[in-house]
N, C-alpha and C. Protein backbone atom coordinates (compact mmCIF):
# COMPACT_ATOMS: atom_id res chain seq x y z
N MET A 1 -53.27 -98.96 38.59
CA MET A 1 -51.98 -99.61 38.73
C MET A 1 -52.17 -101.12 38.86
N LEU A 2 -53.18 -101.53 39.60
CA LEU A 2 -53.45 -102.97 39.72
C LEU A 2 -53.81 -103.58 38.37
N GLN A 3 -54.58 -102.85 37.57
CA GLN A 3 -54.95 -103.34 36.25
C GLN A 3 -53.74 -103.55 35.35
N ARG A 4 -52.67 -102.84 35.65
CA ARG A 4 -51.44 -102.96 34.85
C ARG A 4 -50.46 -103.97 35.45
N GLY A 5 -50.87 -104.64 36.53
CA GLY A 5 -50.05 -105.69 37.10
C GLY A 5 -49.11 -105.27 38.21
N TYR A 6 -49.16 -103.99 38.62
CA TYR A 6 -48.30 -103.52 39.71
C TYR A 6 -48.80 -104.01 41.05
N ARG A 7 -47.88 -104.18 41.98
CA ARG A 7 -48.24 -104.37 43.39
C ARG A 7 -48.54 -102.98 43.93
N VAL A 8 -49.57 -102.88 44.75
CA VAL A 8 -50.01 -101.57 45.25
C VAL A 8 -50.11 -101.61 46.77
N ARG A 9 -49.53 -100.62 47.40
CA ARG A 9 -49.66 -100.44 48.85
C ARG A 9 -50.46 -99.16 49.06
N ILE A 10 -51.56 -99.30 49.77
CA ILE A 10 -52.44 -98.16 50.05
C ILE A 10 -52.29 -97.79 51.52
N THR A 11 -52.16 -96.51 51.78
CA THR A 11 -52.13 -96.07 53.18
C THR A 11 -53.54 -95.70 53.61
N VAL A 12 -53.85 -96.09 54.82
CA VAL A 12 -55.11 -95.74 55.46
C VAL A 12 -54.78 -95.24 56.87
N PRO A 13 -55.61 -94.35 57.41
CA PRO A 13 -55.29 -93.80 58.74
C PRO A 13 -55.46 -94.80 59.88
N SER A 14 -56.22 -95.89 59.64
CA SER A 14 -56.40 -96.91 60.68
C SER A 14 -56.82 -98.22 60.02
N HIS A 15 -56.62 -99.32 60.74
CA HIS A 15 -56.99 -100.64 60.23
C HIS A 15 -58.48 -100.71 59.92
N SER A 16 -59.28 -99.92 60.62
CA SER A 16 -60.73 -99.97 60.42
C SER A 16 -61.15 -99.56 59.01
N ARG A 17 -60.29 -98.89 58.26
CA ARG A 17 -60.61 -98.45 56.90
C ARG A 17 -60.23 -99.48 55.84
N GLU A 18 -59.45 -100.49 56.20
CA GLU A 18 -58.94 -101.44 55.22
C GLU A 18 -60.04 -102.16 54.45
N GLN A 19 -61.05 -102.67 55.14
CA GLN A 19 -62.09 -103.46 54.47
C GLN A 19 -62.87 -102.61 53.48
N ALA A 20 -63.24 -101.40 53.86
CA ALA A 20 -64.00 -100.54 52.95
C ALA A 20 -63.18 -100.22 51.70
N VAL A 21 -61.90 -99.95 51.87
CA VAL A 21 -61.05 -99.65 50.72
C VAL A 21 -60.86 -100.90 49.87
N SER A 22 -60.64 -102.03 50.51
CA SER A 22 -60.47 -103.28 49.79
C SER A 22 -61.73 -103.61 48.97
N ASP A 23 -62.90 -103.40 49.56
CA ASP A 23 -64.16 -103.65 48.85
C ASP A 23 -64.31 -102.71 47.65
N ALA A 24 -63.94 -101.45 47.83
CA ALA A 24 -64.05 -100.47 46.74
C ALA A 24 -63.11 -100.85 45.59
N VAL A 25 -61.91 -101.29 45.93
CA VAL A 25 -60.95 -101.71 44.90
C VAL A 25 -61.46 -102.96 44.19
N ALA A 26 -61.97 -103.93 44.95
CA ALA A 26 -62.45 -105.18 44.38
C ALA A 26 -63.62 -104.96 43.43
N ALA A 27 -64.37 -103.91 43.65
CA ALA A 27 -65.50 -103.59 42.76
C ALA A 27 -65.00 -103.13 41.39
N GLN A 28 -63.73 -102.74 41.30
CA GLN A 28 -63.17 -102.23 40.06
C GLN A 28 -62.18 -103.16 39.38
N VAL A 29 -61.43 -103.92 40.18
CA VAL A 29 -60.36 -104.74 39.62
C VAL A 29 -60.05 -105.91 40.57
N ASP A 30 -59.60 -107.02 39.99
CA ASP A 30 -59.15 -108.15 40.78
C ASP A 30 -57.70 -107.90 41.18
N ALA A 31 -57.48 -107.66 42.45
CA ALA A 31 -56.12 -107.33 42.92
C ALA A 31 -55.20 -108.55 42.89
N ASP A 32 -55.76 -109.75 42.89
CA ASP A 32 -54.97 -110.97 42.77
C ASP A 32 -53.78 -111.01 43.72
N GLY A 33 -53.99 -110.60 44.97
CA GLY A 33 -52.94 -110.65 45.97
C GLY A 33 -51.89 -109.55 45.87
N ARG A 34 -52.12 -108.56 45.03
CA ARG A 34 -51.14 -107.49 44.83
C ARG A 34 -51.49 -106.21 45.58
N LEU A 35 -52.46 -106.28 46.48
CA LEU A 35 -52.88 -105.10 47.25
C LEU A 35 -52.51 -105.30 48.71
N GLU A 36 -51.84 -104.32 49.28
CA GLU A 36 -51.52 -104.37 50.71
C GLU A 36 -51.78 -103.00 51.32
N PHE A 37 -51.85 -102.98 52.64
CA PHE A 37 -52.15 -101.75 53.36
C PHE A 37 -51.04 -101.38 54.33
N ALA A 38 -50.89 -100.09 54.54
CA ALA A 38 -49.99 -99.56 55.56
C ALA A 38 -50.78 -98.50 56.32
N ILE A 39 -50.48 -98.37 57.59
CA ILE A 39 -51.18 -97.38 58.41
C ILE A 39 -50.34 -96.11 58.47
N ALA A 40 -50.91 -95.04 57.95
CA ALA A 40 -50.27 -93.72 57.97
C ALA A 40 -51.36 -92.68 57.75
N ASP A 41 -51.24 -91.56 58.41
CA ASP A 41 -52.25 -90.51 58.35
C ASP A 41 -51.64 -89.24 57.76
N LEU A 42 -52.37 -88.58 56.88
CA LEU A 42 -51.88 -87.34 56.26
C LEU A 42 -51.51 -86.27 57.28
N THR A 43 -52.15 -86.31 58.44
CA THR A 43 -51.94 -85.25 59.42
C THR A 43 -50.84 -85.58 60.43
N ALA A 44 -50.12 -86.68 60.20
CA ALA A 44 -49.07 -87.07 61.15
C ALA A 44 -47.84 -87.56 60.39
N ASP A 45 -46.68 -87.43 61.01
CA ASP A 45 -45.44 -87.90 60.39
C ASP A 45 -45.21 -89.40 60.61
N GLU A 46 -45.83 -89.96 61.63
CA GLU A 46 -45.61 -91.36 61.98
C GLU A 46 -46.20 -92.28 60.92
N GLY A 47 -45.50 -93.36 60.68
CA GLY A 47 -45.99 -94.42 59.82
C GLY A 47 -45.54 -94.33 58.37
N TRP A 48 -45.07 -93.17 57.93
CA TRP A 48 -44.73 -93.01 56.52
C TRP A 48 -43.45 -93.75 56.12
N GLU A 49 -42.48 -93.79 57.00
CA GLU A 49 -41.25 -94.49 56.65
C GLU A 49 -41.53 -95.96 56.38
N ALA A 50 -42.33 -96.58 57.24
CA ALA A 50 -42.70 -97.98 57.03
C ALA A 50 -43.60 -98.12 55.80
N ALA A 51 -44.46 -97.15 55.58
CA ALA A 51 -45.40 -97.22 54.46
C ALA A 51 -44.70 -97.22 53.11
N VAL A 52 -43.60 -96.51 53.00
CA VAL A 52 -42.91 -96.41 51.71
C VAL A 52 -41.69 -97.34 51.60
N LYS A 53 -41.41 -98.09 52.65
CA LYS A 53 -40.25 -98.98 52.62
C LYS A 53 -40.40 -100.01 51.49
N GLY A 54 -39.42 -100.05 50.62
CA GLY A 54 -39.40 -101.01 49.54
C GLY A 54 -40.21 -100.62 48.31
N VAL A 55 -40.78 -99.44 48.30
CA VAL A 55 -41.55 -99.03 47.12
C VAL A 55 -40.67 -98.26 46.15
N ASP A 56 -41.04 -98.29 44.89
CA ASP A 56 -40.30 -97.56 43.86
C ASP A 56 -40.96 -96.23 43.50
N TYR A 57 -42.27 -96.16 43.63
CA TYR A 57 -43.02 -94.97 43.24
C TYR A 57 -44.06 -94.64 44.28
N VAL A 58 -44.38 -93.36 44.40
CA VAL A 58 -45.46 -92.89 45.27
C VAL A 58 -46.41 -92.06 44.42
N LEU A 59 -47.68 -92.43 44.45
CA LEU A 59 -48.72 -91.61 43.85
C LEU A 59 -49.55 -91.07 45.00
N HIS A 60 -49.41 -89.80 45.27
CA HIS A 60 -50.13 -89.19 46.39
C HIS A 60 -51.39 -88.54 45.85
N VAL A 61 -52.54 -89.17 46.13
CA VAL A 61 -53.81 -88.68 45.60
C VAL A 61 -54.81 -88.35 46.70
N ALA A 62 -54.38 -88.40 47.94
CA ALA A 62 -55.29 -88.18 49.05
C ALA A 62 -55.36 -86.72 49.46
N SER A 63 -56.47 -86.38 50.04
CA SER A 63 -56.68 -85.06 50.61
C SER A 63 -57.73 -85.22 51.70
N PRO A 64 -57.77 -84.32 52.66
CA PRO A 64 -58.77 -84.44 53.71
C PRO A 64 -60.18 -84.26 53.16
N PRO A 65 -61.18 -84.73 53.89
CA PRO A 65 -62.56 -84.57 53.44
C PRO A 65 -62.89 -83.11 53.14
N GLY A 66 -63.74 -82.88 52.15
CA GLY A 66 -64.09 -81.54 51.71
C GLY A 66 -64.63 -80.61 52.77
N SER A 67 -65.36 -81.14 53.73
CA SER A 67 -65.95 -80.27 54.75
C SER A 67 -64.89 -79.62 55.64
N ALA A 68 -63.67 -80.19 55.64
CA ALA A 68 -62.61 -79.64 56.49
C ALA A 68 -62.21 -78.23 56.06
N GLY A 69 -62.43 -77.88 54.79
CA GLY A 69 -61.96 -76.59 54.31
C GLY A 69 -63.05 -75.57 54.05
N VAL A 70 -64.23 -75.80 54.58
CA VAL A 70 -65.32 -74.87 54.33
C VAL A 70 -64.93 -73.47 54.78
N GLY A 71 -64.88 -72.55 53.81
CA GLY A 71 -64.56 -71.16 54.12
C GLY A 71 -63.07 -70.87 54.22
N ASP A 72 -62.23 -71.89 54.26
CA ASP A 72 -60.80 -71.67 54.41
C ASP A 72 -60.04 -72.66 53.53
N PRO A 73 -59.67 -72.25 52.31
CA PRO A 73 -58.96 -73.18 51.42
C PRO A 73 -57.69 -73.76 52.04
N GLU A 74 -57.02 -73.00 52.89
CA GLU A 74 -55.78 -73.48 53.50
C GLU A 74 -56.04 -74.72 54.38
N ALA A 75 -57.27 -74.85 54.90
CA ALA A 75 -57.60 -76.02 55.71
C ALA A 75 -57.56 -77.30 54.88
N LEU A 76 -57.75 -77.19 53.56
CA LEU A 76 -57.62 -78.34 52.67
C LEU A 76 -56.21 -78.44 52.11
N ILE A 77 -55.64 -77.30 51.76
CA ILE A 77 -54.34 -77.28 51.09
C ILE A 77 -53.23 -77.76 52.01
N ALA A 78 -53.18 -77.26 53.22
CA ALA A 78 -52.08 -77.58 54.14
C ALA A 78 -51.96 -79.08 54.42
N PRO A 79 -53.05 -79.78 54.78
CA PRO A 79 -52.89 -81.22 55.04
C PRO A 79 -52.51 -82.00 53.79
N ALA A 80 -53.02 -81.63 52.63
CA ALA A 80 -52.66 -82.32 51.39
C ALA A 80 -51.18 -82.10 51.07
N ARG A 81 -50.73 -80.86 51.20
CA ARG A 81 -49.31 -80.54 50.94
C ARG A 81 -48.41 -81.23 51.95
N ASP A 82 -48.77 -81.13 53.23
CA ASP A 82 -47.94 -81.72 54.27
C ASP A 82 -47.94 -83.25 54.18
N GLY A 83 -49.08 -83.82 53.76
CA GLY A 83 -49.15 -85.26 53.56
C GLY A 83 -48.23 -85.72 52.44
N ALA A 84 -48.17 -84.93 51.37
CA ALA A 84 -47.26 -85.25 50.27
C ALA A 84 -45.82 -85.23 50.75
N CYS A 85 -45.50 -84.24 51.54
CA CYS A 85 -44.13 -84.15 52.07
C CYS A 85 -43.83 -85.30 53.02
N ALA A 86 -44.81 -85.67 53.84
CA ALA A 86 -44.60 -86.76 54.80
C ALA A 86 -44.36 -88.08 54.08
N CYS A 87 -45.13 -88.35 53.03
CA CYS A 87 -44.96 -89.65 52.36
C CYS A 87 -43.74 -89.67 51.46
N CYS A 88 -43.24 -88.53 51.07
CA CYS A 88 -42.07 -88.49 50.19
C CYS A 88 -40.77 -88.24 50.94
N ALA A 89 -40.85 -87.90 52.21
CA ALA A 89 -39.66 -87.52 52.96
C ALA A 89 -38.72 -88.68 53.27
N PRO A 90 -39.21 -89.88 53.61
CA PRO A 90 -38.24 -90.93 53.94
C PRO A 90 -37.37 -91.27 52.75
N PRO A 91 -36.05 -91.29 52.92
CA PRO A 91 -35.17 -91.63 51.81
C PRO A 91 -35.40 -93.08 51.40
N PRO A 92 -35.11 -93.42 50.19
CA PRO A 92 -34.49 -92.62 49.13
C PRO A 92 -35.49 -92.14 48.10
N LEU A 93 -36.69 -91.84 48.47
CA LEU A 93 -37.71 -91.46 47.50
C LEU A 93 -37.48 -90.08 46.91
N LEU A 94 -38.36 -89.19 47.19
CA LEU A 94 -38.33 -87.87 46.59
C LEU A 94 -38.06 -86.80 47.64
N ARG A 95 -37.65 -85.67 47.18
CA ARG A 95 -37.53 -84.53 48.08
C ARG A 95 -38.70 -83.61 47.76
N CYS A 96 -39.44 -83.23 48.79
CA CYS A 96 -40.55 -82.32 48.57
C CYS A 96 -40.02 -80.89 48.62
N GLY A 97 -40.55 -80.09 47.80
CA GLY A 97 -40.13 -78.69 47.80
C GLY A 97 -41.03 -77.87 46.92
N GLY A 98 -40.78 -76.61 46.87
CA GLY A 98 -41.53 -75.72 46.01
C GLY A 98 -42.83 -75.24 46.59
N TRP A 99 -43.05 -75.46 47.86
CA TRP A 99 -44.32 -75.00 48.45
C TRP A 99 -44.15 -73.60 48.96
């Protein structure tokens, strides 16, 4: 999205993750001031309303670390599904459904 000139807001579970994510993005593309961060966690409802305020689109590509679901697929599926609903729930974005 940055390569196409969009402004991008990335959610991270804490401020401590911002630098690592920023470095990873910078290794791929020059964000040119179009990258910002919001604090929100897939496992919590808090922070999502502020995270999506003023955005037009949400691309939800996060999921918990792979080791969380060892032996139990639902341990991976539930947080990813619930995270999608959390980030899409604040109006006027999308309505989550079909789960």
